[in-house]
C-alpha atoms as a PDB file:
ATOM      1  CA  MET A   1      34.946  34.438   7.034  1.00  0.00           C
ATOM      2  CA  VAL A   2      37.330  37.378   6.704  1.00  0.00           C
ATOM      3  CA  LYS A   3      38.322  38.842  10.061  1.00  0.00           C
ATOM      4  CA  ARG A   4      37.424  42.527  10.393  1.00  0.00           C
ATOM      5  CA  ILE A   5      40.416  44.768  11.058  1.00  0.00           C
ATOM      6  CA  LYS A   6      39.816  47.178  13.919  1.00  0.00           C
ATOM      7  CA  PHE A   7      40.926  50.676  12.977  1.00  0.00           C
ATOM      8  CA  PRO A   8      42.120  53.225  15.563  1.00  0.00           C
ATOM      9  CA  LEU A   9      40.854  56.786  15.937  1.00  0.00           C
ATOM     10  CA  GLU A  10      43.529  59.433  15.586  1.00  0.00           C
ATOM     11  CA  MET A  11      43.282  62.326  18.019  1.00  0.00           C
ATOM     12  CA  ALA A  12      44.517  65.888  17.479  1.00  0.00           C
ATOM     13  CA  ASN A  13      47.781  65.128  19.297  1.00  0.00           C
ATOM     14  CA  GLY A  14      48.540  62.396  16.742  1.00  0.00           C
ATOM     15  CA  VAL A  15      47.907  59.518  19.146  1.00  0.00           C
ATOM     16  CA  GLN A  16      45.946  56.627  17.646  1.00  0.00           C
ATOM     17  CA  VAL A  17      43.530  55.336  20.265  1.00  0.00           C
ATOM     18  CA  ARG A  18      42.401  51.713  20.320  1.00  0.00           C
ATOM     19  CA  SER A  19      40.612  51.483  23.639  1.00  0.00           C
ATOM     20  CA  LEU A  20      38.131  53.510  25.660  1.00  0.00           C
ATOM     21  CA  ASP A  21      40.816  54.350  28.233  1.00  0.00           C
ATOM     22  CA  GLU A  22      43.123  55.685  25.491  1.00  0.00           C
ATOM     23  CA  LEU A  23      40.248  57.708  24.007  1.00  0.00           C
ATOM     24  CA  GLN A  24      39.474  59.289  27.380  1.00  0.00           C
ATOM     25  CA  GLU A  25      43.153  60.064  28.039  1.00  0.00           C
ATOM     26  CA  ASN A  26      43.596  61.742  24.644  1.00  0.00           C
ATOM     27  CA  PHE A  27      40.058  63.063  24.232  1.00  0.00           C
ATOM     28  CA  ASP A  28      39.641  65.795  21.616  1.00  0.00           C
ATOM     29  CA  LEU A  29      36.093  67.034  21.194  1.00  0.00           C
ATOM     30  CA  GLU A  30      36.474  68.350  17.660  1.00  0.00           C
ATOM     31  CA  LYS A  31      37.958  65.054  16.455  1.00  0.00           C
ATOM     32  CA  ILE A  32      35.279  63.046  18.253  1.00  0.00           C
ATOM     33  CA  ILE A  33      32.500  65.132  16.683  1.00  0.00           C
ATOM     34  CA  GLY A  34      34.133  64.672  13.291  1.00  0.00           C
ATOM     35  CA  TYR A  35      34.184  60.896  13.751  1.00  0.00           C
ATOM     36  CA  TYR A  36      30.575  61.076  14.924  1.00  0.00           C
ATOM     37  CA  MET A  37      29.630  62.929  11.725  1.00  0.00           C
ATOM     38  CA  ASN A  38      31.252  60.413   9.369  1.00  0.00           C
ATOM     39  CA  GLY A  39      30.068  57.347  11.305  1.00  0.00           C
ATOM     40  CA  LYS A  40      33.533  56.157  12.319  1.00  0.00           C
ATOM     41  CA  LEU A  41      32.900  56.678  16.025  1.00  0.00           C
ATOM     42  CA  LEU A  42      29.908  54.330  16.045  1.00  0.00           C
ATOM     43  CA  VAL A  43      31.796  51.629  14.099  1.00  0.00           C
ATOM     44  CA  TRP A  44      34.815  52.013  16.399  1.00  0.00           C
ATOM     45  CA  LEU A  45      32.620  51.470  19.476  1.00  0.00           C
ATOM     46  CA  LYS A  46      30.776  48.479  18.004  1.00  0.00           C
ATOM     47  CA  ASP A  47      34.023  46.803  16.858  1.00  0.00           C
ATOM     48  CA  ARG A  48      35.210  46.866  20.468  1.00  0.00           C
ATOM     49  CA  TYR A  49      31.854  45.757  21.897  1.00  0.00           C
ATOM     50  CA  TYR A  50      31.200  49.043  23.706  1.00  0.00           C
ATOM     51  CA  ASP A  51      27.519  48.469  22.954  1.00  0.00           C
ATOM     52  CA  ASP A  52      26.213  50.710  25.727  1.00  0.00           C
ATOM     53  CA  LYS A  53      28.305  53.630  24.450  1.00  0.00           C
ATOM     54  CA  ALA A  54      27.177  52.905  20.891  1.00  0.00           C
ATOM     55  CA  GLU A  55      23.535  53.080  21.984  1.00  0.00           C
ATOM     56  CA  GLU A  56      24.151  56.437  23.682  1.00  0.00           C
ATOM     57  CA  ILE A  57      25.831  57.786  20.526  1.00  0.00           C
ATOM     58  CA  LEU A  58      22.883  56.622  18.385  1.00  0.00           C
ATOM     59  CA  ALA A  59      20.492  58.470  20.707  1.00  0.00           C
ATOM     60  CA  LEU A  60      22.268  61.834  20.225  1.00  0.00           C
ATOM     61  CA  ASP A  61      20.774  64.587  18.066  1.00  0.00           C
ATOM     62  CA  ARG A  62      23.324  66.904  16.431  1.00  0.00           C
ATOM     63  CA  SER A  63      20.723  69.699  16.299  1.00  0.00           C
ATOM     64  CA  ASP A  64      20.373  69.606  20.088  1.00  0.00           C
ATOM     65  CA  LYS A  65      21.767  72.804  21.642  1.00  0.00           C
ATOM     66  CA  ASP A  66      23.468  70.634  24.294  1.00  0.00           C
ATOM     67  CA  PHE A  67      24.867  68.189  21.725  1.00  0.00           C
ATOM     68  CA  LYS A  68      28.534  68.946  22.490  1.00  0.00           C
ATOM     69  CA  LYS A  69      27.990  68.557  26.217  1.00  0.00           C
ATOM     70  CA  LYS A  70      26.072  65.298  25.780  1.00  0.00           C
ATOM     71  CA  ILE A  71      28.704  63.694  23.544  1.00  0.00           C
ATOM     72  CA  CYS A  72      31.302  64.523  26.203  1.00  0.00           C
ATOM     73  CA  ASN A  73      29.086  62.943  28.859  1.00  0.00           C
ATOM     74  CA  VAL A  74      28.974  59.685  26.893  1.00  0.00           C
ATOM     75  CA  PHE A  75      32.693  59.264  27.547  1.00  0.00           C
ATOM     76  CA  GLY A  76      32.699  60.739  31.033  1.00  0.00           C
ATOM     77  CA  ILE A  77      34.561  63.868  29.948  1.00  0.00           C
ATOM     78  CA  LYS A  78      33.898  67.337  31.348  1.00  0.00           C
ATOM     79  CA  CYS A  79      32.972  69.619  28.422  1.00  0.00           C
ATOM     80  CA  THR A  80      35.283  72.641  28.711  1.00  0.00           C
ATOM     81  CA  ASP A  81      36.447  73.529  25.169  1.00  0.00           C
ATOM     82  CA  SER A  82      33.233  73.444  23.159  1.00  0.00           C
ATOM     83  CA  LYS A  83      32.710  77.171  22.471  1.00  0.00           C
ATOM     84  CA  ASN A  84      35.069  77.378  19.494  1.00  0.00           C
ATOM     85  CA  ILE A  85      33.809  74.232  17.788  1.00  0.00           C
ATOM     86  CA  ASP A  86      31.597  74.945  14.792  1.00  0.00           C
ATOM     87  CA  ILE A  87      29.265  71.967  14.281  1.00  0.00           C
ATOM     88  CA  THR A  88      28.104  73.245  10.884  1.00  0.00           C
ATOM     89  CA  ARG A  89      31.698  73.521   9.637  1.00  0.00           C
ATOM     90  CA  LEU A  90      32.529  70.036  10.893  1.00  0.00           C
ATOM     91  CA  GLU A  91      29.445  68.627   9.188  1.00  0.00           C
ATOM     92  CA  GLU A  92      30.406  70.295   5.908  1.00  0.00           C
ATOM     93  CA  ARG A  93      33.975  69.013   6.244  1.00  0.00           C
ATOM     94  CA  SER A  94      32.669  65.493   6.835  1.00  0.00           C
ATOM     95  CA  LYS A  95      30.590  65.702   3.647  1.00  0.00           C
ATOM     96  CA  ARG A  96      33.614  66.871   1.669  1.00  0.00           C
ATOM     97  CA  ILE A  97      35.725  63.992   2.958  1.00  0.00           C
ATOM     98  CA  PHE A  98      32.971  61.549   2.026  1.00  0.00           C
ATOM     99  CA  GLU A  99      32.921  62.955  -1.527  1.00  0.00           C
ATOM    100  CA  LEU A 100      36.709  62.963  -1.744  1.00  0.00           C
ATOM    101  CA  LYS A 101      36.958  59.306  -0.711  1.00  0.00           C
ATOM    102  CA  LYS A 102      35.057  58.343  -3.854  1.00  0.00           C
ATOM    103  CA  TYR A 103      38.322  59.057  -5.697  1.00  0.00           C
ATOM    104  CA  THR A 104      41.178  58.568  -3.234  1.00  0.00           C
ATOM    105  CA  ASP A 105      42.135  57.155   0.155  1.00  0.00           C
ATOM    106  CA  ASP A 106      45.438  59.043   0.208  1.00  0.00           C
ATOM    107  CA  LYS A 107      45.799  60.200   3.820  1.00  0.00           C
ATOM    108  CA  ASN A 108      47.747  63.296   2.803  1.00  0.00           C
ATOM    109  CA  VAL A 109      44.907  64.394   0.535  1.00  0.00           C
ATOM    110  CA  ILE A 110      42.200  63.575   3.105  1.00  0.00           C
ATOM    111  CA  ASP A 111      44.071  65.522   5.792  1.00  0.00           C
ATOM    112  CA  ASN A 112      44.193  68.500   3.404  1.00  0.00           C
ATOM    113  CA  VAL A 113      40.504  68.384   2.488  1.00  0.00           C
ATOM    114  CA  ASP A 114      40.283  72.113   3.229  1.00  0.00           C
ATOM    115  CA  LYS A 115      42.655  72.675   0.286  1.00  0.00           C
ATOM    116  CA  VAL A 116      40.553  70.622  -2.123  1.00  0.00           C
ATOM    117  CA  ALA A 117      38.572  72.476  -4.782  1.00  0.00           C
ATOM    118  CA  PHE A 118      35.474  70.756  -6.126  1.00  0.00           C
ATOM    119  CA  THR A 119      34.461  73.793  -8.200  1.00  0.00           C
ATOM    120  CA  GLN A 120      36.090  76.712 -10.007  1.00  0.00           C
ATOM    121  CA  GLU A 121      34.801  79.081  -7.319  1.00  0.00           C
ATOM    122  CA  GLU A 122      36.442  77.030  -4.559  1.00  0.00           C
ATOM    123  CA  MET A 123      39.726  76.973  -6.456  1.00  0.00           C
ATOM    124  CA  ASP A 124      39.616  80.761  -6.935  1.00  0.00           C
ATOM    125  CA  SER A 125      38.945  81.231  -3.214  1.00  0.00           C
ATOM    126  CA  LEU A 126      41.923  79.058  -2.265  1.00  0.00           C
ATOM    127  CA  LEU A 127      44.174  81.018  -4.620  1.00  0.00           C
ATOM    128  CA  TYR A 128      42.873  84.285  -3.145  1.00  0.00           C
ATOM    129  CA  GLU A 129      43.935  82.960   0.261  1.00  0.00           C
ATOM    130  CA  ASN A 130      47.408  82.265  -1.224  1.00  0.00           C
ATOM    131  CA  VAL A 131      47.228  78.501  -0.763  1.00  0.00           C
ATOM    132  CA  ASN A 132      50.278  77.217  -2.648  1.00  0.00           C
ATOM    133  CA  THR A 133      49.113  73.609  -3.113  1.00  0.00           C
ATOM    134  CA  VAL A 134      45.591  73.165  -4.434  1.00  0.00           C
ATOM    135  CA  TYR A 135      43.966  69.760  -4.935  1.00  0.00           C
ATOM    136  CA  LEU A 136      41.530  69.622  -7.849  1.00  0.00           C
ATOM    137  CA  CYS A 137      38.572  67.239  -7.740  1.00  0.00           C
ATOM    138  CA  GLY A 138      36.114  68.104 -10.477  1.00  0.00           C
ATOM    139  CA  LYS A 139      35.514  67.978 -14.218  1.00  0.00           C
ATOM    140  CA  GLN A 140      37.543  70.992 -15.329  1.00  0.00           C
ATOM    141  CA  PHE A 141      39.264  74.095 -13.999  1.00  0.00           C
ATOM    142  CA  VAL A 142      40.583  77.280 -15.618  1.00  0.00           C
ATOM    143  CA  ILE A 143      44.162  77.887 -14.476  1.00  0.00           C
ATOM    144  CA  PRO A 144      44.966  81.599 -13.980  1.00  0.00           C
ATOM    145  CA  LEU A 145      48.372  82.152 -15.584  1.00  0.00           C
ATOM    146  CA  ASN A 146      48.977  85.345 -13.612  1.00  0.00           C
ATOM    147  CA  LYS A 147      48.946  83.410 -10.319  1.00  0.00           C
ATOM    148  CA  GLU A 148      52.461  82.041  -9.971  1.00  0.00           C
ATOM    149  CA  ASN A 149      54.163  79.696  -7.465  1.00  0.00           C
ATOM    150  CA  VAL A 150      51.233  77.278  -7.213  1.00  0.00           C
ATOM    151  CA  THR A 151      51.132  73.484  -7.399  1.00  0.00           C
ATOM    152  CA  TYR A 152      47.915  71.933  -8.703  1.00  0.00           C
ATOM    153  CA  VAL A 153      47.309  68.252  -7.901  1.00  0.00           C
ATOM    154  CA  GLY A 154      44.545  66.475  -9.796  1.00  0.00           C
ATOM    155  CA  ILE A 155      42.573  63.927  -7.795  1.00  0.00           C
ATOM    156  CA  ASN A 156      40.309  62.543 -10.532  1.00  0.00           C
ATOM    157  CA  ASN A 157      42.423  63.562 -13.540  1.00  0.00           C
ATOM    158  CA  PRO A 158      40.479  66.773 -14.245  1.00  0.00           C
ATOM    159  CA  ILE A 159      40.915  68.847 -17.389  1.00  0.00           C
ATOM    160  CA  VAL A 160      42.823  72.081 -16.817  1.00  0.00           C
ATOM    161  CA  ILE A 161      41.968  74.851 -19.268  1.00  0.00           C
ATOM    162  CA  ILE A 162      44.974  76.913 -20.330  1.00  0.00           C
ATOM    163  CA  LYS A 163      43.813  80.074 -22.088  1.00  0.00           C
ATOM    164  CA  SER A 164      46.853  80.859 -24.182  1.00  0.00           C
ATOM    165  CA  SER A 165      47.563  80.945 -27.910  1.00  0.00           C
ATOM    166  CA  THR A 166      51.260  80.321 -27.263  1.00  0.00           C
ATOM    167  CA  VAL A 167      53.191  77.747 -25.258  1.00  0.00           C
ATOM    168  CA  VAL A 168      53.266  78.710 -21.586  1.00  0.00           C
ATOM    169  CA  ASP A 169      56.569  78.511 -19.717  1.00  0.00           C
ATOM    170  CA  PHE A 170      55.164  76.941 -16.545  1.00  0.00           C
ATOM    171  CA  LEU A 171      58.641  76.363 -15.132  1.00  0.00           C
ATOM    172  CA  LYS A 172      59.411  80.075 -15.261  1.00  0.00           C
ATOM    173  CA  LYS A 173      56.135  80.832 -13.504  1.00  0.00           C
ATOM    174  CA  ASN A 174      56.783  78.013 -10.997  1.00  0.00           C
ATOM    175  CA  ILE A 175      53.379  76.534 -11.769  1.00  0.00           C
ATOM    176  CA  LEU A 176      53.309  72.752 -11.398  1.00  0.00           C
ATOM    177  CA  LEU A 177      50.482  70.625 -12.778  1.00  0.00           C
ATOM    178  CA  ASN A 178      50.263  67.028 -11.618  1.00  0.00           C
ATOM    179  CA  GLY A 179      47.597  64.416 -12.349  1.00  0.00           C
ATOM    180  CA  VAL A 180      45.708  66.571 -14.858  1.00  0.00           C
ATOM    181  CA  SER A 181      44.997  66.730 -18.606  1.00  0.00           C
ATOM    182  CA  TYR A 182      45.177  69.805 -20.836  1.00  0.00           C
ATOM    183  CA  ASN A 183      42.169  71.068 -22.765  1.00  0.00           C
ATOM    184  CA  GLU A 184      42.118  70.270 -26.503  1.00  0.00           C
ATOM    185  CA  GLU A 185      42.783  73.863 -27.572  1.00  0.00           C
ATOM    186  CA  TYR A 186      45.993  74.106 -25.586  1.00  0.00           C
ATOM    187  CA  MET A 187      47.091  70.641 -26.727  1.00  0.00           C
ATOM    188  CA  SER A 188      46.772  71.935 -30.298  1.00  0.00           C
ATOM    189  CA  VAL A 189      48.952  74.907 -29.374  1.00  0.00           C
ATOM    190  CA  LEU A 190      51.639  72.538 -28.067  1.00  0.00           C
ATOM    191  CA  GLU A 191      51.477  70.265 -31.105  1.00  0.00           C
ATOM    192  CA  ASN A 192      51.593  73.183 -33.568  1.00  0.00           C
ATOM    193  CA  ALA A 193      54.586  74.668 -31.760  1.00  0.00           C
ATOM    194  CA  ILE A 194      56.452  71.365 -32.071  1.00  0.00           C
ATOM    195  CA  LEU A 195      55.596  71.062 -35.772  1.00  0.00           C
ATOM    196  CA  LYS A 196      56.744  74.629 -36.518  1.00  0.00           C
ATOM    197  CA  ARG A 197      59.993  74.081 -34.684  1.00  0.00           C
ATOM    198  CA  ASN A 198      60.598  70.874 -36.598  1.00  0.00           C
ATOM    199  CA  GLU A 199      59.955  72.605 -39.918  1.00  0.00           C
ATOM    200  CA  MET A 200      62.436  75.353 -39.051  1.00  0.00           C
ATOM    201  CA  GLU A 201      65.080  72.804 -38.119  1.00  0.00           C
ATOM    202  CA  ASN A 202      64.279  70.500 -41.081  1.00  0.00           C
ATOM    203  CA  ARG A 203      63.478  67.566 -38.859  1.00  0.00           C
ATOM    204  CA  PRO A 204      61.359  64.533 -39.817  1.00  0.00           C
ATOM    205  CA  THR A 205      58.164  66.161 -38.506  1.00  0.00           C
ATOM    206  CA  SER A 206      55.850  63.185 -38.959  1.00  0.00           C
ATOM    207  CA  LEU A 207      58.072  60.957 -36.832  1.00  0.00           C
ATOM    208  CA  HIS A 208      58.521  63.681 -34.225  1.00  0.00           C
ATOM    209  CA  TYR A 209      54.800  64.381 -34.071  1.00  0.00           C
ATOM    210  CA  LYS A 210      53.844  60.745 -33.539  1.00  0.00           C
ATOM    211  CA  ALA A 211      56.580  60.172 -31.009  1.00  0.00           C
ATOM    212  CA  SER A 212      55.707  63.217 -28.928  1.00  0.00           C
ATOM    213  CA  GLY A 213      52.374  61.778 -27.822  1.00  0.00           C
ATOM    214  CA  LEU A 214      53.930  58.441 -26.888  1.00  0.00           C
ATOM    215  CA  PHE A 215      56.822  60.158 -25.157  1.00  0.00           C
ATOM    216  CA  ASN A 216      54.461  62.393 -23.189  1.00  0.00           C
ATOM    217  CA  SER A 217      52.526  59.364 -21.940  1.00  0.00           C
ATOM    218  CA  MET A 218      55.764  57.878 -20.566  1.00  0.00           C
ATOM    219  CA  VAL A 219      56.709  60.973 -18.613  1.00  0.00           C
ATOM    220  CA  LYS A 220      55.559  61.436 -15.012  1.00  0.00           C
ATOM    221  CA  ASN A 221      52.675  63.854 -14.584  1.00  0.00           C
ATOM    222  CA  SER A 222      54.847  66.230 -12.568  1.00  0.00           C
ATOM    223  CA  TYR A 223      57.157  66.647 -15.601  1.00  0.00           C
ATOM    224  CA  LYS A 224      54.565  66.860 -18.357  1.00  0.00           C
ATOM    225  CA  ASN A 225      54.936  70.635 -18.605  1.00  0.00           C
ATOM    226  CA  ALA A 226      58.553  70.211 -19.664  1.00  0.00           C
ATOM    227  CA  SER A 227      58.139  67.046 -21.748  1.00  0.00           C
ATOM    228  CA  PRO A 228      58.112  68.780 -25.190  1.00  0.00           C
ATOM    229  CA  ARG A 229      61.424  70.452 -24.370  1.00  0.00           C
ATOM    230  CA  LEU A 230      62.859  67.251 -22.929  1.00  0.00           C
ATOM    231  CA  PHE A 231      61.779  65.276 -26.005  1.00  0.00           C
ATOM    232  CA  ASP A 232      63.479  67.782 -28.306  1.00  0.00           C
ATOM    233  CA  GLU A 233      66.708  67.588 -26.313  1.00  0.00           C
ATOM    234  CA  ILE A 234      66.724  63.794 -26.496  1.00  0.00           C
ATOM    235  CA  SER A 235      65.813  63.901 -30.198  1.00  0.00           C
ATOM    236  CA  ASP A 236      68.778  66.188 -30.899  1.00  0.00           C
ATOM    237  CA  LYS A 237      71.147  63.696 -29.291  1.00  0.00           C
ATOM    238  CA  LEU A 238      69.614  60.685 -31.030  1.00  0.00           C
ATOM    239  CA  LEU A 239      69.558  62.290 -34.486  1.00  0.00           C
ATOM    240  CA  LYS A 240      73.247  63.182 -34.184  1.00  0.00           C
ATOM    241  CA  PHE A 241      74.211  59.714 -32.994  1.00  0.00           C
ATOM    242  CA  ASN A 242      75.894  57.452 -35.550  1.00  0.00           C
ATOM    243  CA  TYR A 243      75.905  53.786 -34.646  1.00  0.00           C
ATOM    244  CA  ASP A 244      78.867  51.892 -36.041  1.00  0.00           C
ATOM    245  CA  ILE A 245      78.117  48.176 -36.101  1.00  0.00           C
ATOM    246  CA  ASP A 246      81.713  47.380 -37.213  1.00  0.00           C
ATOM    247  CA  LYS A 247      83.430  49.446 -34.528  1.00  0.00           C
ATOM    248  CA  LYS A 248      84.871  46.493 -32.590  1.00  0.00           C
ATOM    249  CA  THR A 249      85.921  44.712 -35.790  1.00  0.00           C
ATOM    250  CA  ARG A 250      87.536  47.885 -37.129  1.00  0.00           C
ATOM    251  CA  ASN A 251      89.552  48.260 -33.920  1.00  0.00           C
ATOM    252  CA  SER A 252      90.821  44.699 -34.266  1.00  0.00           C
ATOM    253  CA  VAL A 253      91.846  45.311 -37.890  1.00  0.00           C
ATOM    254  CA  ASP A 254      93.740  48.455 -36.872  1.00  0.00           C
ATOM    255  CA  ILE A 255      95.643  46.466 -34.224  1.00  0.00           C
ATOM    256  CA  ILE A 256      96.595  43.796 -36.786  1.00  0.00           C
ATOM    257  CA  LYS A 257      97.783  46.407 -39.283  1.00  0.00           C
ATOM    258  CA  ASN A 258      99.728  48.458 -36.738  1.00  0.00           C
ATOM    259  CA  ALA A 259     101.490  45.347 -35.423  1.00  0.00           C
ATOM    260  CA  ASN A 260     102.360  44.125 -38.932  1.00  0.00           C
ATOM    261  CA  LEU A 261     100.420  40.911 -38.285  1.00  0.00           C
ATOM    262  CA  SER A 262      98.531  40.853 -41.579  1.00  0.00           C
ATOM    263  CA  GLU A 263     100.559  37.968 -43.057  1.00  0.00           C
ATOM    264  CA  ALA A 264     100.234  35.879 -39.893  1.00  0.00           C
ATOM    265  CA  PHE A 265      96.484  36.593 -39.810  1.00  0.00           C
ATOM    266  CA  ASP A 266      96.116  35.482 -43.455  1.00  0.00           C
ATOM    267  CA  ASN A 267      98.007  32.237 -42.725  1.00  0.00           C
ATOM    268  CA  TYR A 268      95.726  31.583 -39.764  1.00  0.00           C
ATOM    269  CA  LEU A 269      92.629  32.064 -41.898  1.00  0.00           C
ATOM    270  CA  ASP A 270      94.024  29.641 -44.496  1.00  0.00           C
ATOM    271  CA  ARG A 271      94.485  26.949 -41.834  1.00  0.00           C
ATOM    272  CA  ILE A 272      90.948  27.220 -40.446  1.00  0.00           C
ATOM    273  CA  SER A 273      89.166  27.550 -43.807  1.00  0.00           C
END
């Protein structure tokens, strides 16, 4: 039987509590209510055999007007900072974390659940609030090209719709797209731009076109915006490179000639042949 690992509860001050005494010493009502909402508090109590406390937690009703006071009483804490705690907001946040955990357990993402957009409307609201890192967890999102200096991080590899008939210079706009896929229309724009450039430079377009997709798949998501340019730069160097398989041999021949050793070299070859 696999032994269950007991997880700690992290309080607002960053302390991870593993016992009832530690919880009482570092008690934070908002954190405790959050753990109550997502069920972690009950599991934490049962794992440590605080069965009486677990029973009291099960008996609580979050719709009770004295809910905050009663949850404090369970742990013997005087309820003094409950006025600014919005139960409805905490409940909504708990639901969002539950949904988010279907796709990731990344602590950094979970801690920034308030910066996660599940819909286009939520993304637009975050941008309106000038959030500079937006996490995208949904099917698709339209990226506003006039909103610069924003990093978009895909959680479930969403499609980002780029409404542009020309290649967008994301680097100039300081727009970073990570963990996402472009919509088909914009992918066509990128591919056509590469083909036209190849035609103008008289490059082997078919080879370049096939390689670009493979190359793009090898590049980290955070660099995908610049991958067409990077591929072209590498292609330029490779196409100009001339590999000389006889370079080492040719150097040896030059040494023999310059040292007037040709006759001695011929005699040596006669002896070993």
